[in-house]
C-alpha atoms as a PDB file:
ATOM      1  CA  MET A   1       7.318  -7.182  10.171  1.00  0.00           C
ATOM      2  CA  SER A   2      10.675  -9.110   9.821  1.00  0.00           C
ATOM      3  CA  LYS A   3      10.698  -9.787  13.427  1.00  0.00           C
ATOM      4  CA  PHE A   4       7.523 -11.802  12.925  1.00  0.00           C
ATOM      5  CA  GLY A   5       9.013 -13.657  10.083  1.00  0.00           C
ATOM      6  CA  MET A   6       7.118 -11.442   7.521  1.00  0.00           C
ATOM      7  CA  GLY A   7       9.785  -9.108   6.164  1.00  0.00           C
ATOM      8  CA  VAL A   8      11.151  -8.945   2.581  1.00  0.00           C
ATOM      9  CA  LEU A   9      10.812 -12.812   2.292  1.00  0.00           C
ATOM     10  CA  TYR A  10       8.048 -14.425   4.436  1.00  0.00           C
ATOM     11  CA  GLU A  11       9.394 -17.328   6.698  1.00  0.00           C
ATOM     12  CA  LYS A  12       6.239 -17.694   8.830  1.00  0.00           C
ATOM     13  CA  LEU A  13       2.551 -17.612   8.414  1.00  0.00           C
ATOM     14  CA  ASP A  14       0.429 -15.403  10.659  1.00  0.00           C
ATOM     15  CA  ASN A  15      -0.139 -17.968  13.118  1.00  0.00           C
ATOM     16  CA  GLY A  16       3.648 -18.383  13.771  1.00  0.00           C
ATOM     17  CA  ASN A  17       4.122 -21.685  11.760  1.00  0.00           C
ATOM     18  CA  GLN A  18       6.918 -21.897   9.400  1.00  0.00           C
ATOM     19  CA  LEU A  19       6.062 -21.222   5.828  1.00  0.00           C
ATOM     20  CA  ARG A  20       9.491 -22.039   4.445  1.00  0.00           C
ATOM     21  CA  LYS A  21      13.217 -22.407   5.442  1.00  0.00           C
ATOM     22  CA  VAL A  22      14.878 -19.175   4.230  1.00  0.00           C
ATOM     23  CA  THR A  23      18.435 -19.998   3.701  1.00  0.00           C
ATOM     24  CA  GLN A  24      21.150 -17.243   2.962  1.00  0.00           C
ATOM     25  CA  GLN A  25      21.169 -18.550  -0.661  1.00  0.00           C
ATOM     26  CA  LEU A  26      17.475 -18.105  -1.071  1.00  0.00           C
ATOM     27  CA  LYS A  27      17.396 -14.689   0.609  1.00  0.00           C
ATOM     28  CA  SER A  28      20.417 -13.496  -1.612  1.00  0.00           C
ATOM     29  CA  GLY A  29      18.788 -14.791  -4.707  1.00  0.00           C
ATOM     30  CA  VAL A  30      15.333 -13.191  -4.000  1.00  0.00           C
ATOM     31  CA  LEU A  31      16.972  -9.815  -3.028  1.00  0.00           C
ATOM     32  CA  SER A  32      19.184  -9.652  -6.086  1.00  0.00           C
ATOM     33  CA  ASN A  33      16.701 -11.062  -8.686  1.00  0.00           C
ATOM     34  CA  TYR A  34      13.507  -9.374  -7.544  1.00  0.00           C
ATOM     35  CA  TYR A  35      13.649  -7.015  -4.510  1.00  0.00           C
ATOM     36  CA  TRP A  36      16.596  -4.735  -5.782  1.00  0.00           C
ATOM     37  CA  LYS A  37      15.428  -4.944  -9.353  1.00  0.00           C
ATOM     38  CA  HIS A  38      12.003  -3.678  -8.330  1.00  0.00           C
ATOM     39  CA  HIS A  39      13.261  -0.848  -6.257  1.00  0.00           C
ATOM     40  CA  ASN A  40      15.799   0.083  -8.828  1.00  0.00           C
ATOM     41  CA  ASN A  41      12.997   0.173 -11.569  1.00  0.00           C
ATOM     42  CA  LEU A  42      10.879   2.299  -9.300  1.00  0.00           C
ATOM     43  CA  ASN A  43      13.639   4.714  -8.662  1.00  0.00           C
ATOM     44  CA  ASN A  44      14.435   4.883 -12.483  1.00  0.00           C
ATOM     45  CA  ILE A  45      10.698   5.393 -13.311  1.00  0.00           C
ATOM     46  CA  VAL A  46      10.537   8.253 -10.646  1.00  0.00           C
ATOM     47  CA  LYS A  47      13.616   9.846 -12.098  1.00  0.00           C
ATOM     48  CA  LYS A  48      12.254   9.658 -15.723  1.00  0.00           C
ATOM     49  CA  HIS A  49       8.865  11.075 -14.563  1.00  0.00           C
ATOM     50  CA  LEU A  50      10.478  14.043 -12.858  1.00  0.00           C
ATOM     51  CA  GLU A  51      12.587  14.728 -15.993  1.00  0.00           C
ATOM     52  CA  ASP A  52       9.525  14.428 -18.272  1.00  0.00           C
ATOM     53  CA  THR A  53       6.781  16.032 -16.306  1.00  0.00           C
ATOM     54  CA  LYS A  54       8.635  17.882 -13.316  1.00  0.00           C
ATOM     55  CA  SER A  55       6.540  15.994 -10.688  1.00  0.00           C
ATOM     56  CA  CYS A  56       5.746  12.343  -9.767  1.00  0.00           C
ATOM     57  CA  LEU A  57       2.874  10.840  -7.972  1.00  0.00           C
ATOM     58  CA  ILE A  58       3.414   7.295  -6.479  1.00  0.00           C
ATOM     59  CA  LEU A  59       0.273   5.420  -5.613  1.00  0.00           C
ATOM     60  CA  ASP A  60       1.254   2.405  -3.352  1.00  0.00           C
ATOM     61  CA  CYS A  61      -1.628  -0.070  -3.508  1.00  0.00           C
ATOM     62  CA  HIS A  62      -2.480  -2.926  -1.175  1.00  0.00           C
ATOM     63  CA  SER A  63      -5.194  -4.872   0.541  1.00  0.00           C
ATOM     64  CA  PHE A  64      -5.685  -5.931   4.147  1.00  0.00           C
ATOM     65  CA  PRO A  65      -7.843  -8.468   5.755  1.00  0.00           C
ATOM     66  CA  SER A  66     -10.944  -7.597   7.571  1.00  0.00           C
ATOM     67  CA  SER A  67      -9.809  -9.275  10.753  1.00  0.00           C
ATOM     68  CA  PRO A  68      -6.253  -8.005  11.810  1.00  0.00           C
ATOM     69  CA  PHE A  69      -3.334 -10.536  11.426  1.00  0.00           C
ATOM     70  CA  ASN A  70      -2.037 -11.777  14.733  1.00  0.00           C
ATOM     71  CA  CYS A  71       1.086  -9.704  14.437  1.00  0.00           C
ATOM     72  CA  ALA A  72      -0.703  -6.470  13.444  1.00  0.00           C
ATOM     73  CA  ILE A  73       0.035  -3.450  15.484  1.00  0.00           C
ATOM     74  CA  VAL A  74      -3.623  -2.405  15.250  1.00  0.00           C
ATOM     75  CA  GLN A  75      -5.829  -5.294  16.587  1.00  0.00           C
ATOM     76  CA  ASP A  76      -9.181  -3.466  16.154  1.00  0.00           C
ATOM     77  CA  ASN A  77     -11.745  -5.590  14.270  1.00  0.00           C
ATOM     78  CA  ASN A  78     -13.790  -2.450  13.441  1.00  0.00           C
ATOM     79  CA  THR A  79     -11.413  -1.602  10.377  1.00  0.00           C
ATOM     80  CA  PRO A  80     -12.459   1.040   7.759  1.00  0.00           C
ATOM     81  CA  ASP A  81     -13.363   0.172   4.105  1.00  0.00           C
ATOM     82  CA  PHE A  82     -10.257   1.817   2.884  1.00  0.00           C
ATOM     83  CA  ASN A  83      -7.113   3.223   4.418  1.00  0.00           C
ATOM     84  CA  ILE A  84      -4.610   5.725   3.162  1.00  0.00           C
ATOM     85  CA  GLY A  85      -1.036   5.746   4.447  1.00  0.00           C
ATOM     86  CA  THR A  86       0.693   9.086   4.328  1.00  0.00           C
ATOM     87  CA  ASP A  87       4.152  10.523   4.653  1.00  0.00           C
ATOM     88  CA  SER A  88       4.559  13.904   6.272  1.00  0.00           C
ATOM     89  CA  TYR A  89       7.014  15.067   3.592  1.00  0.00           C
ATOM     90  CA  HIS A  90       5.625  13.370   0.447  1.00  0.00           C
ATOM     91  CA  THR A  91       1.870  13.371   0.990  1.00  0.00           C
ATOM     92  CA  PRO A  92       0.373  16.768   0.657  1.00  0.00           C
ATOM     93  CA  LEU A  93      -2.453  17.747   2.949  1.00  0.00           C
ATOM     94  CA  TYR A  94      -4.687  18.390   0.089  1.00  0.00           C
ATOM     95  CA  PHE A  95      -4.347  14.686  -1.055  1.00  0.00           C
ATOM     96  CA  ILE A  96      -5.386  13.625   2.565  1.00  0.00           C
ATOM     97  CA  GLU A  97      -8.461  16.086   2.440  1.00  0.00           C
ATOM     98  CA  ALA A  98      -9.454  15.105  -1.029  1.00  0.00           C
ATOM     99  CA  SER A  99      -9.340  11.512  -0.066  1.00  0.00           C
ATOM    100  CA  LYS A 100     -11.545  11.924   2.969  1.00  0.00           C
ATOM    101  CA  GLU A 101     -14.101  13.863   0.854  1.00  0.00           C
ATOM    102  CA  PHE A 102     -13.946  11.185  -2.042  1.00  0.00           C
ATOM    103  CA  PHE A 103     -14.653   8.146   0.172  1.00  0.00           C
ATOM    104  CA  LYS A 104     -17.188   9.945   2.212  1.00  0.00           C
ATOM    105  CA  SER A 105     -19.062  10.949  -1.068  1.00  0.00           C
ATOM    106  CA  LYS A 106     -19.112   7.122  -1.844  1.00  0.00           C
ATOM    107  CA  GLY A 107     -20.611   6.312   1.522  1.00  0.00           C
ATOM    108  CA  LEU A 108     -17.354   4.507   2.580  1.00  0.00           C
ATOM    109  CA  SER A 109     -15.192   4.772   5.590  1.00  0.00           C
ATOM    110  CA  LEU A 110     -11.622   5.775   5.499  1.00  0.00           C
ATOM    111  CA  GLY A 111      -8.782   5.321   8.002  1.00  0.00           C
ATOM    112  CA  VAL A 112      -5.915   7.798   7.725  1.00  0.00           C
ATOM    113  CA  ASP A 113      -2.656   6.019   8.664  1.00  0.00           C
ATOM    114  CA  THR A 114      -4.789   3.273  10.440  1.00  0.00           C
ATOM    115  CA  PRO A 115      -4.677   0.416  10.485  1.00  0.00           C
ATOM    116  CA  TYR A 116      -1.519   0.900   8.230  1.00  0.00           C
ATOM    117  CA  SER A 117       0.659   3.942   7.742  1.00  0.00           C
ATOM    118  CA  GLY A 118       3.264   5.208   5.435  1.00  0.00           C
ATOM    119  CA  SER A 119       3.907   5.186   1.714  1.00  0.00           C
ATOM    120  CA  ILE A 120       6.771   4.154  -0.417  1.00  0.00           C
ATOM    121  CA  VAL A 121       9.320   6.657  -1.844  1.00  0.00           C
ATOM    122  CA  PRO A 122      12.653   5.637  -3.398  1.00  0.00           C
ATOM    123  CA  MET A 123      15.564   6.334  -0.983  1.00  0.00           C
ATOM    124  CA  GLU A 124      17.098   8.633  -3.601  1.00  0.00           C
ATOM    125  CA  TYR A 125      14.234  11.091  -3.121  1.00  0.00           C
ATOM    126  CA  TYR A 126      12.974  10.199   0.426  1.00  0.00           C
ATOM    127  CA  GLN A 127      12.664  13.463   2.416  1.00  0.00           C
ATOM    128  CA  LYS A 128      14.747  15.345  -0.130  1.00  0.00           C
ATOM    129  CA  GLU A 129      12.602  15.811  -3.235  1.00  0.00           C
ATOM    130  CA  PRO A 130       9.202  17.723  -2.782  1.00  0.00           C
ATOM    131  CA  ARG A 131       8.165  17.029  -6.335  1.00  0.00           C
ATOM    132  CA  VAL A 132       7.748  13.294  -5.313  1.00  0.00           C
ATOM    133  CA  ASN A 133       4.333  12.770  -3.871  1.00  0.00           C
ATOM    134  CA  SER A 134       3.314   9.430  -2.550  1.00  0.00           C
ATOM    135  CA  ILE A 135       0.150   7.905  -0.836  1.00  0.00           C
ATOM    136  CA  MET A 136      -0.669   4.496  -0.025  1.00  0.00           C
ATOM    137  CA  LEU A 137      -4.075   3.092  -0.814  1.00  0.00           C
ATOM    138  CA  GLU A 138      -5.257  -0.112   1.299  1.00  0.00           C
ATOM    139  CA  VAL A 139      -8.434  -1.790   0.324  1.00  0.00           C
ATOM    140  CA  ASN A 140     -10.292  -3.792   2.983  1.00  0.00           C
ATOM    141  CA  ARG A 141     -10.754  -7.330   1.508  1.00  0.00           C
ATOM    142  CA  ARG A 142     -14.136  -7.577   2.743  1.00  0.00           C
ATOM    143  CA  MET A 143     -15.030  -4.926   0.219  1.00  0.00           C
ATOM    144  CA  TYR A 144     -14.268  -7.140  -2.838  1.00  0.00           C
ATOM    145  CA  LEU A 145     -13.570 -10.600  -1.672  1.00  0.00           C
ATOM    146  CA  ASN A 146     -15.293 -13.508   0.214  1.00  0.00           C
ATOM    147  CA  GLU A 147     -12.755 -14.240   2.927  1.00  0.00           C
ATOM    148  CA  PRO A 148     -11.200 -16.622   3.510  1.00  0.00           C
ATOM    149  CA  THR A 149     -11.678 -18.295   0.180  1.00  0.00           C
ATOM    150  CA  ASN A 150     -10.546 -14.964  -1.592  1.00  0.00           C
ATOM    151  CA  GLN A 151     -13.127 -15.423  -4.402  1.00  0.00           C
ATOM    152  CA  LYS A 152     -14.399 -12.144  -5.925  1.00  0.00           C
ATOM    153  CA  SER A 153     -17.547 -11.033  -4.198  1.00  0.00           C
ATOM    154  CA  ASP A 154     -20.552  -9.182  -5.562  1.00  0.00           C
ATOM    155  CA  GLY A 155     -18.911  -5.884  -4.515  1.00  0.00           C
ATOM    156  CA  TYR A 156     -15.701  -6.498  -6.817  1.00  0.00           C
ATOM    157  CA  LEU A 157     -16.747  -4.519  -9.779  1.00  0.00           C
ATOM    158  CA  ARG A 158     -17.913  -1.619  -7.629  1.00  0.00           C
ATOM    159  CA  ILE A 159     -14.735  -1.521  -5.700  1.00  0.00           C
ATOM    160  CA  LYS A 160     -12.769  -1.664  -8.982  1.00  0.00           C
ATOM    161  CA  GLU A 161     -14.659   1.412 -10.268  1.00  0.00           C
ATOM    162  CA  ILE A 162     -14.174   3.267  -7.163  1.00  0.00           C
ATOM    163  CA  VAL A 163     -10.384   2.571  -7.176  1.00  0.00           C
ATOM    164  CA  GLN A 164     -10.139   3.735 -10.753  1.00  0.00           C
ATOM    165  CA  GLU A 165     -12.148   6.984  -9.967  1.00  0.00           C
ATOM    166  CA  TYR A 166      -9.910   7.570  -6.958  1.00  0.00           C
ATOM    167  CA  ILE A 167      -6.808   7.369  -9.197  1.00  0.00           C
ATOM    168  CA  LYS A 168      -8.225   9.859 -11.644  1.00  0.00           C
ATOM    169  CA  LEU A 169      -8.900  12.135  -8.757  1.00  0.00           C
ATOM    170  CA  LEU A 170      -5.246  11.814  -7.462  1.00  0.00           C
ATOM    171  CA  LYS A 171      -3.952  12.519 -10.918  1.00  0.00           C
ATOM    172  CA  SER A 172      -6.173  15.673 -11.293  1.00  0.00           C
ATOM    173  CA  LEU A 173      -4.766  17.253  -8.176  1.00  0.00           C
END
């Protein structure tokens, strides 16, 4: 996304207009004060969890607009209610199958690696440590927001409950 000005530090809006001027000083400050701190904290939490419990589950949560961004790779307006992003090494197949069953049982559609794919894993463990599991959950904003105002919709509480149930399911696997 950095080639569209939407990398670590957003420079452009989805329509291509400039959001802000990113100087080297600003970029360095954001990277050192936020980005690297976040990733170091995540790495340390995973390390501690592996020491304490012998395994770690990372649930990487996001939302996506009901209409794709102009720069989105997938330009399909028929987007699912939820999407899971997977990693061939860090997302066990039974997580994927349980996710499919869970959302189907709720009467909701689920995209697997579409419109978004992948899931975060600290580089220290990426493709090296099978005890680190990761799955990304993306929620279609139409499920809980009134777009484009981003005010909570009538579905907000239901979706909140469904996400909480899904978290419990993943923790039980």
